[in-house]
Amino acid sequence: MSETDEELYLVLAMASAGPTTRYELGSRHTLLVFARAGSHEAALAVATAGMAERGWGEPAFQKAGIIELGPHLSAEDRAPAEHAMAHGCAVRVYERPTQAN
């Protein structure tokens, strides 16, 4: 599959901080993962690999869908979205740990 067949996916996930992150070990955080992929399944695989490379484990996916680059993206989402299109994946971490219900 060529890059022209790939789209930008936005994946909402929760994951546990590993020892290489700047967060408390094991704390659960909400993450927005921008992934360039050719299918929903591929996007989840790219997201999983991207989170693992950045020290995040035990992912739980909440939502995933195709998004488009455009003026509707906030400034804080534009940079990671563009990075993902160029390099495959980008991750935004919400600072506050997610509370267990």
C-alpha atoms as a PDB file:
ATOM      1  CA  MET A   1       0.000   0.000   0.000  1.00  0.00           C
ATOM      2  CA  SER A   2       1.421   3.364  -0.924  1.00  0.00           C
ATOM      3  CA  GLU A   3       1.322   6.487   1.231  1.00  0.00           C
ATOM      4  CA  THR A   4      -1.258   7.908  -1.172  1.00  0.00           C
ATOM      5  CA  ASP A   5      -3.617   5.107  -0.093  1.00  0.00           C
ATOM      6  CA  GLU A   6      -3.180   6.024   3.549  1.00  0.00           C
ATOM      7  CA  GLU A   7      -5.323   8.406   5.557  1.00  0.00           C
ATOM      8  CA  LEU A   8      -4.948  10.213   8.846  1.00  0.00           C
ATOM      9  CA  TYR A   9      -6.654   8.501  11.766  1.00  0.00           C
ATOM     10  CA  LEU A  10      -7.299   9.985  15.180  1.00  0.00           C
ATOM     11  CA  VAL A  11      -7.300   7.362  17.924  1.00  0.00           C
ATOM     12  CA  LEU A  12      -8.511   8.076  21.454  1.00  0.00           C
ATOM     13  CA  ALA A  13      -6.850   5.720  23.911  1.00  0.00           C
ATOM     14  CA  MET A  14      -5.945   5.205  27.533  1.00  0.00           C
ATOM     15  CA  ALA A  15      -2.547   3.771  28.395  1.00  0.00           C
ATOM     16  CA  SER A  16      -0.192   3.210  31.319  1.00  0.00           C
ATOM     17  CA  ALA A  17       2.950   5.277  31.734  1.00  0.00           C
ATOM     18  CA  GLY A  18       6.157   3.287  31.576  1.00  0.00           C
ATOM     19  CA  PRO A  19       9.521   4.091  33.154  1.00  0.00           C
ATOM     20  CA  THR A  20      10.724   6.106  30.141  1.00  0.00           C
ATOM     21  CA  THR A  21       7.864   8.622  30.281  1.00  0.00           C
ATOM     22  CA  ARG A  22       7.920  11.687  32.512  1.00  0.00           C
ATOM     23  CA  TYR A  23       4.792  10.489  34.304  1.00  0.00           C
ATOM     24  CA  GLU A  24       4.356   8.390  37.432  1.00  0.00           C
ATOM     25  CA  LEU A  25       5.021   4.743  36.591  1.00  0.00           C
ATOM     26  CA  GLY A  26       1.767   2.912  35.927  1.00  0.00           C
ATOM     27  CA  SER A  27      -0.437   5.996  35.951  1.00  0.00           C
ATOM     28  CA  ARG A  28      -3.185   5.827  33.347  1.00  0.00           C
ATOM     29  CA  HIS A  29      -3.540   8.733  30.947  1.00  0.00           C
ATOM     30  CA  THR A  30      -5.770   9.622  28.047  1.00  0.00           C
ATOM     31  CA  LEU A  31      -3.846   9.897  24.795  1.00  0.00           C
ATOM     32  CA  LEU A  32      -4.719  11.232  21.366  1.00  0.00           C
ATOM     33  CA  VAL A  33      -2.795   9.278  18.767  1.00  0.00           C
ATOM     34  CA  PHE A  34      -2.547  10.534  15.198  1.00  0.00           C
ATOM     35  CA  ALA A  35      -1.724   7.645  12.874  1.00  0.00           C
ATOM     36  CA  ARG A  36      -1.208   7.458   9.113  1.00  0.00           C
ATOM     37  CA  ALA A  37      -2.628   4.160   7.914  1.00  0.00           C
ATOM     38  CA  GLY A  38      -4.526   2.420   5.141  1.00  0.00           C
ATOM     39  CA  SER A  39      -7.227   0.845   7.319  1.00  0.00           C
ATOM     40  CA  HIS A  40      -8.821   0.976  10.763  1.00  0.00           C
ATOM     41  CA  GLU A  41      -6.918  -2.148  11.863  1.00  0.00           C
ATOM     42  CA  ALA A  42      -3.640  -0.734  10.560  1.00  0.00           C
ATOM     43  CA  ALA A  43      -4.291   2.543  12.399  1.00  0.00           C
ATOM     44  CA  LEU A  44      -4.688   0.678  15.697  1.00  0.00           C
ATOM     45  CA  ALA A  45      -1.447  -1.216  15.004  1.00  0.00           C
ATOM     46  CA  VAL A  46       0.396   2.039  14.214  1.00  0.00           C
ATOM     47  CA  ALA A  47      -1.065   3.616  17.366  1.00  0.00           C
ATOM     48  CA  THR A  48      -0.029   0.643  19.518  1.00  0.00           C
ATOM     49  CA  ALA A  49       3.522   0.715  18.142  1.00  0.00           C
ATOM     50  CA  GLY A  50       3.737   4.495  18.467  1.00  0.00           C
ATOM     51  CA  MET A  51       2.628   4.438  22.086  1.00  0.00           C
ATOM     52  CA  ALA A  52       5.049   1.600  22.908  1.00  0.00           C
ATOM     53  CA  GLU A  53       7.956   3.478  21.293  1.00  0.00           C
ATOM     54  CA  ARG A  54       7.145   6.422  23.547  1.00  0.00           C
ATOM     55  CA  GLY A  55       6.950   4.334  26.726  1.00  0.00           C
ATOM     56  CA  TRP A  56       3.203   3.718  26.976  1.00  0.00           C
ATOM     57  CA  GLY A  57       1.710   0.266  27.564  1.00  0.00           C
ATOM     58  CA  GLU A  58      -1.574  -1.523  28.167  1.00  0.00           C
ATOM     59  CA  PRO A  59      -3.519   0.538  25.618  1.00  0.00           C
ATOM     60  CA  ALA A  60      -7.313   0.569  25.716  1.00  0.00           C
ATOM     61  CA  PHE A  61      -8.837   2.120  22.616  1.00  0.00           C
ATOM     62  CA  GLN A  62     -11.956   4.252  23.035  1.00  0.00           C
ATOM     63  CA  LYS A  63     -12.576   5.581  19.500  1.00  0.00           C
ATOM     64  CA  ALA A  64     -10.824   5.740  16.147  1.00  0.00           C
ATOM     65  CA  GLY A  65     -11.723   7.431  12.897  1.00  0.00           C
ATOM     66  CA  ILE A  66     -10.431   9.206   9.838  1.00  0.00           C
ATOM     67  CA  ILE A  67      -9.838  12.937  10.102  1.00  0.00           C
ATOM     68  CA  GLU A  68      -8.691  15.487   7.554  1.00  0.00           C
ATOM     69  CA  LEU A  69      -6.038  18.124   7.836  1.00  0.00           C
ATOM     70  CA  GLY A  70      -7.642  21.520   7.580  1.00  0.00           C
ATOM     71  CA  PRO A  71      -8.465  24.785   9.298  1.00  0.00           C
ATOM     72  CA  HIS A  72     -10.916  23.004  11.611  1.00  0.00           C
ATOM     73  CA  LEU A  73      -8.000  21.475  13.573  1.00  0.00           C
ATOM     74  CA  SER A  74      -6.920  23.371  16.655  1.00  0.00           C
ATOM     75  CA  ALA A  75      -3.386  24.716  16.792  1.00  0.00           C
ATOM     76  CA  GLU A  76      -2.438  22.066  19.347  1.00  0.00           C
ATOM     77  CA  ASP A  77      -3.733  19.275  17.068  1.00  0.00           C
ATOM     78  CA  ARG A  78      -2.348  20.613  13.797  1.00  0.00           C
ATOM     79  CA  ALA A  79       1.338  19.997  14.588  1.00  0.00           C
ATOM     80  CA  PRO A  80       0.932  16.349  15.655  1.00  0.00           C
ATOM     81  CA  ALA A  81      -1.445  15.686  12.741  1.00  0.00           C
ATOM     82  CA  GLU A  82       1.094  17.042  10.264  1.00  0.00           C
ATOM     83  CA  HIS A  83       3.876  15.090  11.988  1.00  0.00           C
ATOM     84  CA  ALA A  84       1.865  11.870  11.704  1.00  0.00           C
ATOM     85  CA  MET A  85       1.241  12.419   8.005  1.00  0.00           C
ATOM     86  CA  ALA A  86       4.969  12.922   7.461  1.00  0.00           C
ATOM     87  CA  HIS A  87       6.339  10.285   9.847  1.00  0.00           C
ATOM     88  CA  GLY A  88       3.502   7.822  10.559  1.00  0.00           C
ATOM     89  CA  CYS A  89       2.501   8.602  14.132  1.00  0.00           C
ATOM     90  CA  ALA A  90       2.275  11.319  16.772  1.00  0.00           C
ATOM     91  CA  VAL A  91       0.969  11.157  20.335  1.00  0.00           C
ATOM     92  CA  ARG A  92      -0.566  13.843  22.577  1.00  0.00           C
ATOM     93  CA  VAL A  93      -0.770  12.982  26.267  1.00  0.00           C
ATOM     94  CA  TYR A  94      -3.301  14.530  28.608  1.00  0.00           C
ATOM     95  CA  GLU A  95      -1.339  15.625  31.675  1.00  0.00           C
ATOM     96  CA  ARG A  96      -3.823  14.568  34.336  1.00  0.00           C
ATOM     97  CA  PRO A  97      -3.962  10.864  35.109  1.00  0.00           C
ATOM     98  CA  THR A  98      -7.274   9.223  34.262  1.00  0.00           C
ATOM     99  CA  GLN A  99      -9.224   8.170  37.327  1.00  0.00           C
ATOM    100  CA  ALA A 100     -10.493   4.598  37.505  1.00  0.00           C
ATOM    101  CA  ASN A 101     -14.264   4.304  37.836  1.00  0.00           C
END
